[in-house]
Each structure stands twice: as C-alpha cells, then as structure tokens.
Amino acid sequence: MKSLKHLLTILSFFALSFSYAQVSVNVNIGTPPSWGPSGYNDVRYYYLPDLETYYDVNTSNYIYVSNGKWIQSRSLPRAYRNYDLYNEYKVVLTDYRGNRPYDNYKVHKVKYVKGYKGGPQKTIGQKPGKGNNKHSHDDHDNGHGNDKGHGNGHGKGKH
C-alpha cells in the first residue's frame, strides 16, 4: 500500500510538471518583441516602412520579398541584419485580420513610405546594452528625417 501511495505521488508530480510546461509554452506564443511598440499587446502584425517588411508577432517571423516571392523568416535579410529595430518606426496594423498582410503591400508602401514617422513611439523593452529606450523615436531626429539612429549606416541596401 505504501508503494502504491509513492507511485501515485510520483505520477501526480509528473502530471503537474507536464501541465506547467504546457502553460509556459502557450503563454509565450504571440509575445511581442522587446523592440515592438508599447501599448499594442493584442496586435499580430507590424509594418516596418524603411525595410518594406512585415513582422508577425504570433510566429516571430519577418515577412518580406525575396526573388519576387513573399517569404517568412526568423531573421531579416542579410542587408538588414544589423538594422536597429529599436529606432525603426513600426506601423501597427490594427485593422488587419488574416495571414497575408502583404496582400495590402501596395497600399502600405504608398501610405507608409520609407522614412515615414507617425506619432511618438515607445518600445516595450530596453535596447540591450544601451540603457533605457523608453523615449519617442522623434527624440532622435526631431521629425526632420535625417536618418539618425538607424545604426552604422547599414540597412539601406536592396532586398
């Protein structure tokens, strides 16, 4: 009887551990990146005008054109790998539902041209190694579009 109690206790422990692991995995799906704009925790897509790229919060993938086709990737194209996403303006697509934000690419590209700056944005988290980044993008360039804050001049090449 004692060994049956021990067995049940061990099985209960494993069942409890497994259920905690499941909750942990499910909670992390769809977590916005630390460079994402604060105040939009329930949005799925951002459009990055300077990169002409989308970011899918649910899958943590970038969506961009490569060789004439839309692809999804965990990382940006090589030309943009060193781009400073903390200082990049993010257009939050609050009015889109679906799996293909690029269906509206022609509209987004015209409405949010390269260099587009909407209202001030604060990032969700701090820029790694640079202290607190809780300020608006306009603090960097005063809205004059002089491209400061985009990091070492990288990221201006073609896709």
N, C-alpha and C. Protein backbone atom coordinates (compact mmCIF):
# COMPACT_ATOMS: atom_id res chain seq x y z
N MET A 1 0.81 -1.19 0.00
CA MET A 1 0.00 0.00 0.00
C MET A 1 0.86 1.26 0.00
N LYS A 2 1.96 1.19 0.75
CA LYS A 2 2.87 2.32 0.83
C LYS A 2 3.50 2.60 -0.54
N SER A 3 3.88 1.56 -1.27
CA SER A 3 4.49 1.76 -2.57
C SER A 3 3.48 2.30 -3.58
N LEU A 4 2.21 1.96 -3.44
CA LEU A 4 1.16 2.48 -4.30
C LEU A 4 0.99 3.98 -4.07
N LYS A 5 1.08 4.41 -2.82
CA LYS A 5 0.99 5.84 -2.50
C LYS A 5 2.18 6.59 -3.10
N HIS A 6 3.37 5.98 -3.00
CA HIS A 6 4.55 6.61 -3.59
C HIS A 6 4.43 6.72 -5.10
N LEU A 7 3.93 5.65 -5.72
CA LEU A 7 3.75 5.66 -7.17
C LEU A 7 2.75 6.74 -7.59
N LEU A 8 1.65 6.85 -6.88
CA LEU A 8 0.64 7.87 -7.18
C LEU A 8 1.20 9.27 -6.97
N THR A 9 2.01 9.43 -5.93
CA THR A 9 2.63 10.73 -5.67
C THR A 9 3.57 11.11 -6.80
N ILE A 10 4.38 10.16 -7.25
CA ILE A 10 5.32 10.42 -8.35
C ILE A 10 4.57 10.72 -9.64
N LEU A 11 3.54 9.94 -9.94
CA LEU A 11 2.74 10.19 -11.14
C LEU A 11 2.06 11.56 -11.08
N SER A 12 1.55 11.93 -9.91
CA SER A 12 0.94 13.25 -9.75
C SER A 12 1.95 14.36 -9.97
N PHE A 13 3.16 14.16 -9.47
CA PHE A 13 4.23 15.15 -9.66
C PHE A 13 4.53 15.35 -11.14
N PHE A 14 4.67 14.24 -11.89
CA PHE A 14 4.95 14.34 -13.32
C PHE A 14 3.79 14.97 -14.07
N ALA A 15 2.57 14.62 -13.72
CA ALA A 15 1.40 15.21 -14.38
C ALA A 15 1.35 16.71 -14.12
N LEU A 16 1.64 17.11 -12.89
CA LEU A 16 1.65 18.53 -12.54
C LEU A 16 2.77 19.26 -13.27
N SER A 17 3.94 18.67 -13.34
CA SER A 17 5.07 19.27 -14.05
C SER A 17 4.75 19.43 -15.53
N PHE A 18 4.13 18.42 -16.12
CA PHE A 18 3.78 18.47 -17.53
C PHE A 18 2.76 19.58 -17.79
N SER A 19 1.78 19.73 -16.92
CA SER A 19 0.77 20.77 -17.13
C SER A 19 1.38 22.16 -17.01
N TYR A 20 2.34 22.35 -16.12
CA TYR A 20 3.02 23.64 -16.03
C TYR A 20 3.82 23.93 -17.30
N ALA A 21 4.46 22.91 -17.84
CA ALA A 21 5.22 23.09 -19.08
C ALA A 21 4.30 23.50 -20.22
N GLN A 22 3.12 22.91 -20.29
CA GLN A 22 2.17 23.26 -21.34
C GLN A 22 1.73 24.71 -21.22
N VAL A 23 1.45 25.17 -20.03
CA VAL A 23 1.03 26.55 -19.82
C VAL A 23 2.15 27.50 -20.21
N SER A 24 3.36 27.18 -19.85
CA SER A 24 4.50 28.03 -20.17
C SER A 24 4.67 28.18 -21.67
N VAL A 25 4.54 27.11 -22.42
CA VAL A 25 4.70 27.15 -23.86
C VAL A 25 3.59 27.99 -24.47
N ASN A 26 2.36 27.80 -24.07
CA ASN A 26 1.23 28.52 -24.64
C ASN A 26 1.26 30.01 -24.33
N VAL A 27 1.74 30.38 -23.17
CA VAL A 27 1.79 31.79 -22.79
C VAL A 27 2.78 32.55 -23.66
N ASN A 28 3.88 31.91 -24.07
CA ASN A 28 4.91 32.60 -24.82
C ASN A 28 4.59 32.78 -26.30
N ILE A 29 3.60 32.10 -26.83
CA ILE A 29 3.24 32.25 -28.23
C ILE A 29 2.57 33.60 -28.41
N GLY A 30 3.06 34.38 -29.38
CA GLY A 30 2.47 35.67 -29.66
C GLY A 30 2.96 36.79 -28.76
N THR A 31 4.10 36.61 -28.11
CA THR A 31 4.65 37.66 -27.26
C THR A 31 5.36 38.68 -28.14
N PRO A 32 4.97 39.96 -28.04
CA PRO A 32 5.63 40.98 -28.86
C PRO A 32 7.12 41.08 -28.52
N PRO A 33 7.94 41.43 -29.51
CA PRO A 33 9.39 41.58 -29.25
C PRO A 33 9.64 42.81 -28.39
N SER A 34 10.77 42.84 -27.72
CA SER A 34 11.09 43.99 -26.86
C SER A 34 11.24 45.27 -27.66
N TRP A 35 11.56 45.19 -28.96
CA TRP A 35 11.67 46.38 -29.80
C TRP A 35 10.31 46.84 -30.35
N GLY A 36 9.27 46.07 -30.06
CA GLY A 36 7.94 46.42 -30.54
C GLY A 36 7.38 47.64 -29.81
N PRO A 37 6.41 48.31 -30.42
CA PRO A 37 5.83 49.49 -29.79
C PRO A 37 4.94 49.11 -28.61
N SER A 38 5.08 49.84 -27.51
CA SER A 38 4.28 49.54 -26.32
C SER A 38 2.83 49.94 -26.54
N GLY A 39 1.95 49.24 -25.83
CA GLY A 39 0.53 49.54 -25.88
C GLY A 39 -0.26 48.74 -26.90
N TYR A 40 0.38 47.79 -27.56
CA TYR A 40 -0.29 47.01 -28.60
C TYR A 40 -0.05 45.52 -28.40
N ASN A 41 -0.41 45.00 -27.26
CA ASN A 41 -0.13 43.60 -26.95
C ASN A 41 -1.01 42.61 -27.70
N ASP A 42 -2.12 43.07 -28.28
CA ASP A 42 -3.03 42.14 -28.94
C ASP A 42 -2.99 42.25 -30.46
N VAL A 43 -1.95 42.88 -31.00
CA VAL A 43 -1.82 43.06 -32.45
C VAL A 43 -0.92 41.96 -33.02
N ARG A 44 -1.26 41.51 -34.22
CA ARG A 44 -0.47 40.44 -34.83
C ARG A 44 0.67 40.94 -35.72
N TYR A 45 0.45 42.03 -36.49
CA TYR A 45 1.45 42.46 -37.47
C TYR A 45 1.91 43.90 -37.26
N TYR A 46 3.21 44.11 -37.54
CA TYR A 46 3.78 45.45 -37.69
C TYR A 46 4.27 45.54 -39.14
N TYR A 47 4.23 46.76 -39.66
CA TYR A 47 4.86 47.02 -40.95
C TYR A 47 6.05 47.94 -40.68
N LEU A 48 7.22 47.57 -41.18
CA LEU A 48 8.44 48.34 -40.99
C LEU A 48 8.72 49.09 -42.30
N PRO A 49 8.30 50.36 -42.40
CA PRO A 49 8.39 51.09 -43.67
C PRO A 49 9.79 51.19 -44.26
N ASP A 50 10.80 51.46 -43.46
CA ASP A 50 12.15 51.61 -44.00
C ASP A 50 12.69 50.31 -44.58
N LEU A 51 12.16 49.19 -44.13
CA LEU A 51 12.61 47.88 -44.61
C LEU A 51 11.62 47.25 -45.58
N GLU A 52 10.45 47.86 -45.72
CA GLU A 52 9.36 47.31 -46.52
C GLU A 52 9.12 45.85 -46.16
N THR A 53 9.01 45.63 -44.86
CA THR A 53 8.93 44.30 -44.28
C THR A 53 7.83 44.27 -43.23
N TYR A 54 7.20 43.12 -43.08
CA TYR A 54 6.21 42.91 -42.03
C TYR A 54 6.85 42.06 -40.93
N TYR A 55 6.29 42.18 -39.72
CA TYR A 55 6.71 41.31 -38.63
C TYR A 55 5.45 40.67 -38.06
N ASP A 56 5.44 39.36 -37.96
CA ASP A 56 4.31 38.60 -37.42
C ASP A 56 4.61 38.27 -35.96
N VAL A 57 3.88 38.89 -35.05
CA VAL A 57 4.11 38.70 -33.62
C VAL A 57 3.81 37.26 -33.22
N ASN A 58 2.78 36.66 -33.80
CA ASN A 58 2.40 35.29 -33.42
C ASN A 58 3.46 34.26 -33.74
N THR A 59 4.14 34.42 -34.86
CA THR A 59 5.13 33.42 -35.27
C THR A 59 6.57 33.90 -35.08
N SER A 60 6.75 35.16 -34.70
CA SER A 60 8.08 35.78 -34.56
C SER A 60 8.86 35.74 -35.87
N ASN A 61 8.15 35.89 -36.97
CA ASN A 61 8.76 35.87 -38.30
C ASN A 61 8.69 37.23 -38.98
N TYR A 62 9.72 37.52 -39.76
CA TYR A 62 9.70 38.67 -40.66
C TYR A 62 9.13 38.17 -41.97
N ILE A 63 8.36 39.01 -42.65
CA ILE A 63 7.78 38.65 -43.94
C ILE A 63 8.22 39.71 -44.94
N TYR A 64 8.95 39.29 -45.97
CA TYR A 64 9.49 40.23 -46.94
C TYR A 64 9.63 39.56 -48.30
N VAL A 65 9.85 40.39 -49.32
CA VAL A 65 10.01 39.89 -50.68
C VAL A 65 11.45 39.47 -50.90
N SER A 66 11.62 38.30 -51.45
CA SER A 66 12.93 37.79 -51.84
C SER A 66 12.77 37.10 -53.18
N ASN A 67 13.51 37.55 -54.17
CA ASN A 67 13.42 36.99 -55.52
C ASN A 67 11.98 36.97 -56.04
N GLY A 68 11.25 38.05 -55.75
CA GLY A 68 9.89 38.19 -56.25
C GLY A 68 8.82 37.43 -55.50
N LYS A 69 9.19 36.76 -54.40
CA LYS A 69 8.21 35.99 -53.62
C LYS A 69 8.23 36.43 -52.16
N TRP A 70 7.07 36.40 -51.54
CA TRP A 70 6.97 36.71 -50.11
C TRP A 70 7.43 35.49 -49.31
N ILE A 71 8.38 35.70 -48.44
CA ILE A 71 8.86 34.62 -47.59
C ILE A 71 8.75 35.02 -46.13
N GLN A 72 8.73 34.03 -45.27
CA GLN A 72 8.75 34.24 -43.82
C GLN A 72 10.05 33.69 -43.28
N SER A 73 10.68 34.47 -42.40
CA SER A 73 11.96 34.06 -41.86
C SER A 73 12.10 34.58 -40.43
N ARG A 74 12.81 33.84 -39.61
CA ARG A 74 13.09 34.26 -38.23
C ARG A 74 14.03 35.46 -38.18
N SER A 75 14.75 35.69 -39.29
CA SER A 75 15.70 36.80 -39.30
C SER A 75 15.46 37.68 -40.52
N LEU A 76 15.96 38.89 -40.44
CA LEU A 76 15.86 39.83 -41.55
C LEU A 76 16.81 39.41 -42.67
N PRO A 77 16.59 39.92 -43.87
CA PRO A 77 17.55 39.65 -44.95
C PRO A 77 18.94 40.14 -44.54
N ARG A 78 19.96 39.55 -45.11
CA ARG A 78 21.34 39.86 -44.75
C ARG A 78 21.62 41.36 -44.79
N ALA A 79 21.08 42.07 -45.75
CA ALA A 79 21.33 43.52 -45.88
C ALA A 79 20.82 44.31 -44.66
N TYR A 80 19.88 43.75 -43.93
CA TYR A 80 19.28 44.46 -42.79
C TYR A 80 19.61 43.83 -41.45
N ARG A 81 20.47 42.84 -41.39
CA ARG A 81 20.73 42.12 -40.14
C ARG A 81 21.19 43.02 -39.00
N ASN A 82 21.92 44.09 -39.31
CA ASN A 82 22.41 44.99 -38.26
C ASN A 82 21.51 46.21 -38.06
N TYR A 83 20.34 46.20 -38.64
CA TYR A 83 19.42 47.32 -38.55
C TYR A 83 18.92 47.46 -37.11
N ASP A 84 18.81 48.68 -36.64
CA ASP A 84 18.39 48.95 -35.27
C ASP A 84 16.86 49.01 -35.18
N LEU A 85 16.24 47.90 -34.85
CA LEU A 85 14.78 47.83 -34.79
C LEU A 85 14.20 48.65 -33.64
N TYR A 86 15.00 48.97 -32.64
CA TYR A 86 14.51 49.81 -31.54
C TYR A 86 14.23 51.23 -32.02
N ASN A 87 14.97 51.69 -33.01
CA ASN A 87 14.79 53.04 -33.52
C ASN A 87 13.99 53.10 -34.81
N GLU A 88 13.72 51.96 -35.40
CA GLU A 88 12.90 51.87 -36.60
C GLU A 88 11.44 52.18 -36.23
N TYR A 89 10.75 52.95 -37.07
CA TYR A 89 9.33 53.20 -36.81
C TYR A 89 8.53 51.98 -37.21
N LYS A 90 7.61 51.58 -36.34
CA LYS A 90 6.77 50.42 -36.59
C LYS A 90 5.33 50.89 -36.80
N VAL A 91 4.74 50.55 -37.94
CA VAL A 91 3.33 50.82 -38.17
C VAL A 91 2.57 49.61 -37.63
N VAL A 92 1.72 49.83 -36.66
CA VAL A 92 0.94 48.76 -36.06
C VAL A 92 -0.32 48.56 -36.89
N LEU A 93 -0.48 47.37 -37.44
CA LEU A 93 -1.64 47.09 -38.29
C LEU A 93 -2.80 46.61 -37.42
N THR A 94 -3.57 47.56 -36.93
CA THR A 94 -4.69 47.24 -36.03
C THR A 94 -5.95 46.83 -36.77
N ASP A 95 -6.02 47.13 -38.06
CA ASP A 95 -7.25 46.87 -38.82
C ASP A 95 -7.15 45.65 -39.73
N TYR A 96 -6.13 44.82 -39.56
CA TYR A 96 -5.96 43.66 -40.42
C TYR A 96 -6.16 42.37 -39.66
N ARG A 97 -6.93 41.47 -40.23
CA ARG A 97 -7.09 40.12 -39.69
C ARG A 97 -6.83 39.14 -40.82
N GLY A 98 -6.03 38.14 -40.56
CA GLY A 98 -5.72 37.16 -41.59
C GLY A 98 -4.27 36.76 -41.51
N ASN A 99 -3.81 36.05 -42.53
CA ASN A 99 -2.45 35.51 -42.55
C ASN A 99 -1.57 36.10 -43.64
N ARG A 100 -2.08 37.09 -44.40
CA ARG A 100 -1.32 37.62 -45.52
C ARG A 100 -1.35 39.15 -45.52
N PRO A 101 -0.65 39.79 -44.59
CA PRO A 101 -0.69 41.26 -44.55
C PRO A 101 -0.15 41.88 -45.83
N TYR A 102 0.71 41.16 -46.53
CA TYR A 102 1.29 41.65 -47.77
C TYR A 102 0.28 41.77 -48.90
N ASP A 103 -0.94 41.24 -48.71
CA ASP A 103 -1.99 41.49 -49.70
C ASP A 103 -2.27 42.98 -49.81
N ASN A 104 -1.97 43.74 -48.75
CA ASN A 104 -2.16 45.19 -48.73
C ASN A 104 -0.84 45.95 -48.93
N TYR A 105 0.18 45.27 -49.40
CA TYR A 105 1.52 45.86 -49.51
C TYR A 105 1.54 47.13 -50.37
N LYS A 106 0.86 47.12 -51.51
CA LYS A 106 0.88 48.30 -52.38
C LYS A 106 0.32 49.52 -51.65
N VAL A 107 -0.72 49.33 -50.88
CA VAL A 107 -1.30 50.43 -50.09
C VAL A 107 -0.34 50.86 -48.99
N HIS A 108 0.23 49.90 -48.27
CA HIS A 108 1.15 50.21 -47.18
C HIS A 108 2.40 50.93 -47.70
N LYS A 109 2.92 50.48 -48.83
CA LYS A 109 4.14 51.07 -49.38
C LYS A 109 3.93 52.54 -49.75
N VAL A 110 2.74 52.89 -50.24
CA VAL A 110 2.44 54.27 -50.61
C VAL A 110 2.09 55.10 -49.36
N LYS A 111 1.29 54.53 -48.50
CA LYS A 111 0.84 55.26 -47.29
C LYS A 111 1.97 55.46 -46.29
N TYR A 112 2.84 54.45 -46.16
CA TYR A 112 3.95 54.50 -45.20
C TYR A 112 5.27 54.37 -45.96
N VAL A 113 5.65 55.43 -46.65
CA VAL A 113 6.87 55.42 -47.45
C VAL A 113 8.10 55.28 -46.57
N LYS A 114 9.22 54.93 -47.19
CA LYS A 114 10.48 54.87 -46.44
C LYS A 114 10.71 56.22 -45.77
N GLY A 115 11.10 56.19 -44.51
CA GLY A 115 11.29 57.42 -43.75
C GLY A 115 10.04 57.87 -43.02
N TYR A 116 8.93 57.14 -43.17
CA TYR A 116 7.67 57.52 -42.52
C TYR A 116 7.84 57.57 -41.00
N LYS A 117 7.30 58.61 -40.40
CA LYS A 117 7.30 58.76 -38.94
C LYS A 117 5.90 59.16 -38.52
N GLY A 118 5.21 58.28 -37.84
CA GLY A 118 3.91 58.62 -37.30
C GLY A 118 4.11 59.32 -35.96
N GLY A 119 3.18 59.12 -35.05
CA GLY A 119 3.31 59.70 -33.72
C GLY A 119 4.45 59.08 -32.94
N PRO A 120 4.81 59.69 -31.82
CA PRO A 120 5.90 59.15 -31.00
C PRO A 120 5.63 57.71 -30.58
N GLN A 121 6.67 56.91 -30.54
CA GLN A 121 6.56 55.51 -30.11
C GLN A 121 7.54 55.23 -29.00
N LYS A 122 7.09 54.40 -28.08
CA LYS A 122 7.97 53.86 -27.04
C LYS A 122 8.05 52.36 -27.27
N THR A 123 9.24 51.81 -27.05
CA THR A 123 9.38 50.37 -27.21
C THR A 123 8.94 49.66 -25.94
N ILE A 124 8.60 48.39 -26.09
CA ILE A 124 8.16 47.58 -24.96
C ILE A 124 9.30 47.41 -23.96
N GLY A 125 10.49 47.13 -24.47
CA GLY A 125 11.64 46.87 -23.61
C GLY A 125 12.77 47.83 -23.88
N GLN A 126 13.85 47.58 -23.18
CA GLN A 126 15.05 48.39 -23.33
C GLN A 126 15.95 47.81 -24.41
N LYS A 127 16.64 48.69 -25.08
CA LYS A 127 17.62 48.26 -26.07
C LYS A 127 18.77 47.60 -25.33
N PRO A 128 19.13 46.38 -25.70
CA PRO A 128 20.20 45.67 -24.98
C PRO A 128 21.50 46.47 -24.96
N GLY A 129 22.04 46.61 -23.76
CA GLY A 129 23.33 47.24 -23.59
C GLY A 129 23.37 48.74 -23.75
N LYS A 130 22.23 49.36 -23.99
CA LYS A 130 22.23 50.79 -24.23
C LYS A 130 21.41 51.56 -23.20
N GLY A 131 21.01 50.92 -22.12
CA GLY A 131 20.20 51.63 -21.12
C GLY A 131 18.75 51.70 -21.54
N ASN A 132 18.00 52.55 -20.89
CA ASN A 132 16.57 52.65 -21.11
C ASN A 132 16.26 53.29 -22.45
N ASN A 133 15.39 52.68 -23.20
CA ASN A 133 14.98 53.20 -24.51
C ASN A 133 13.53 53.65 -24.47
N LYS A 134 13.04 54.09 -23.34
CA LYS A 134 11.65 54.49 -23.20
C LYS A 134 11.46 55.95 -23.59
N HIS A 135 11.71 56.25 -24.86
CA HIS A 135 11.50 57.59 -25.38
C HIS A 135 11.02 57.48 -26.81
N SER A 136 10.54 58.58 -27.33
CA SER A 136 9.99 58.52 -28.68
C SER A 136 11.11 58.52 -29.71
N HIS A 137 10.79 57.99 -30.89
CA HIS A 137 11.73 57.99 -32.00
C HIS A 137 12.07 59.43 -32.39
N ASP A 138 11.11 60.34 -32.26
CA ASP A 138 11.34 61.72 -32.65
C ASP A 138 12.40 62.39 -31.80
N ASP A 139 12.72 61.85 -30.62
CA ASP A 139 13.79 62.41 -29.81
C ASP A 139 15.12 62.29 -30.54
N HIS A 140 15.22 61.32 -31.48
CA HIS A 140 16.48 61.12 -32.20
C HIS A 140 16.65 62.10 -33.35
N ASP A 141 15.52 62.39 -34.07
CA ASP A 141 15.73 63.20 -35.27
C ASP A 141 14.78 64.38 -35.36
N ASN A 142 14.02 64.64 -34.33
CA ASN A 142 13.10 65.77 -34.30
C ASN A 142 12.14 65.80 -35.48
N GLY A 143 11.89 64.63 -36.08
CA GLY A 143 10.94 64.53 -37.17
C GLY A 143 11.44 65.10 -38.49
N HIS A 144 12.72 65.45 -38.61
CA HIS A 144 13.24 66.04 -39.83
C HIS A 144 13.76 65.01 -40.82
N GLY A 145 13.69 63.73 -40.47
CA GLY A 145 14.05 62.67 -41.40
C GLY A 145 15.52 62.64 -41.78
N ASN A 146 16.41 62.90 -40.84
CA ASN A 146 17.82 62.88 -41.16
C ASN A 146 18.46 61.52 -40.93
N ASP A 147 17.64 60.50 -40.71
CA ASP A 147 18.09 59.10 -40.61
C ASP A 147 19.04 58.82 -39.47
N LYS A 148 19.12 59.64 -38.46
CA LYS A 148 19.94 59.30 -37.29
C LYS A 148 19.27 58.15 -36.56
N GLY A 149 20.05 57.36 -35.88
CA GLY A 149 19.51 56.29 -35.06
C GLY A 149 19.27 55.00 -35.81
N HIS A 150 19.66 54.89 -37.05
CA HIS A 150 19.44 53.64 -37.78
C HIS A 150 20.64 52.73 -37.75
N GLY A 151 21.67 53.10 -37.07
CA GLY A 151 22.77 52.18 -36.80
C GLY A 151 23.81 52.03 -37.87
N ASN A 152 24.90 52.69 -37.79
CA ASN A 152 26.11 52.47 -38.57
C ASN A 152 25.91 52.51 -40.08
N GLY A 153 24.82 53.10 -40.53
CA GLY A 153 24.61 53.24 -41.97
C GLY A 153 24.24 51.95 -42.66
N HIS A 154 24.00 50.86 -41.93
CA HIS A 154 23.61 49.58 -42.54
C HIS A 154 22.13 49.61 -42.84
N GLY A 155 21.69 48.75 -43.70
CA GLY A 155 20.28 48.56 -43.91
C GLY A 155 19.71 49.39 -45.04
N LYS A 156 20.49 50.06 -45.83
CA LYS A 156 19.95 50.86 -46.91
C LYS A 156 20.05 50.15 -48.26
N GLY A 157 20.57 48.91 -48.25
CA GLY A 157 20.71 48.17 -49.49
C GLY A 157 19.40 47.58 -49.95
N LYS A 158 19.42 46.93 -51.13
CA LYS A 158 18.21 46.32 -51.65
C LYS A 158 18.00 44.95 -51.04
N HIS A 159 16.75 44.47 -51.13
CA HIS A 159 16.41 43.14 -50.61
C HIS A 159 17.11 42.08 -51.38
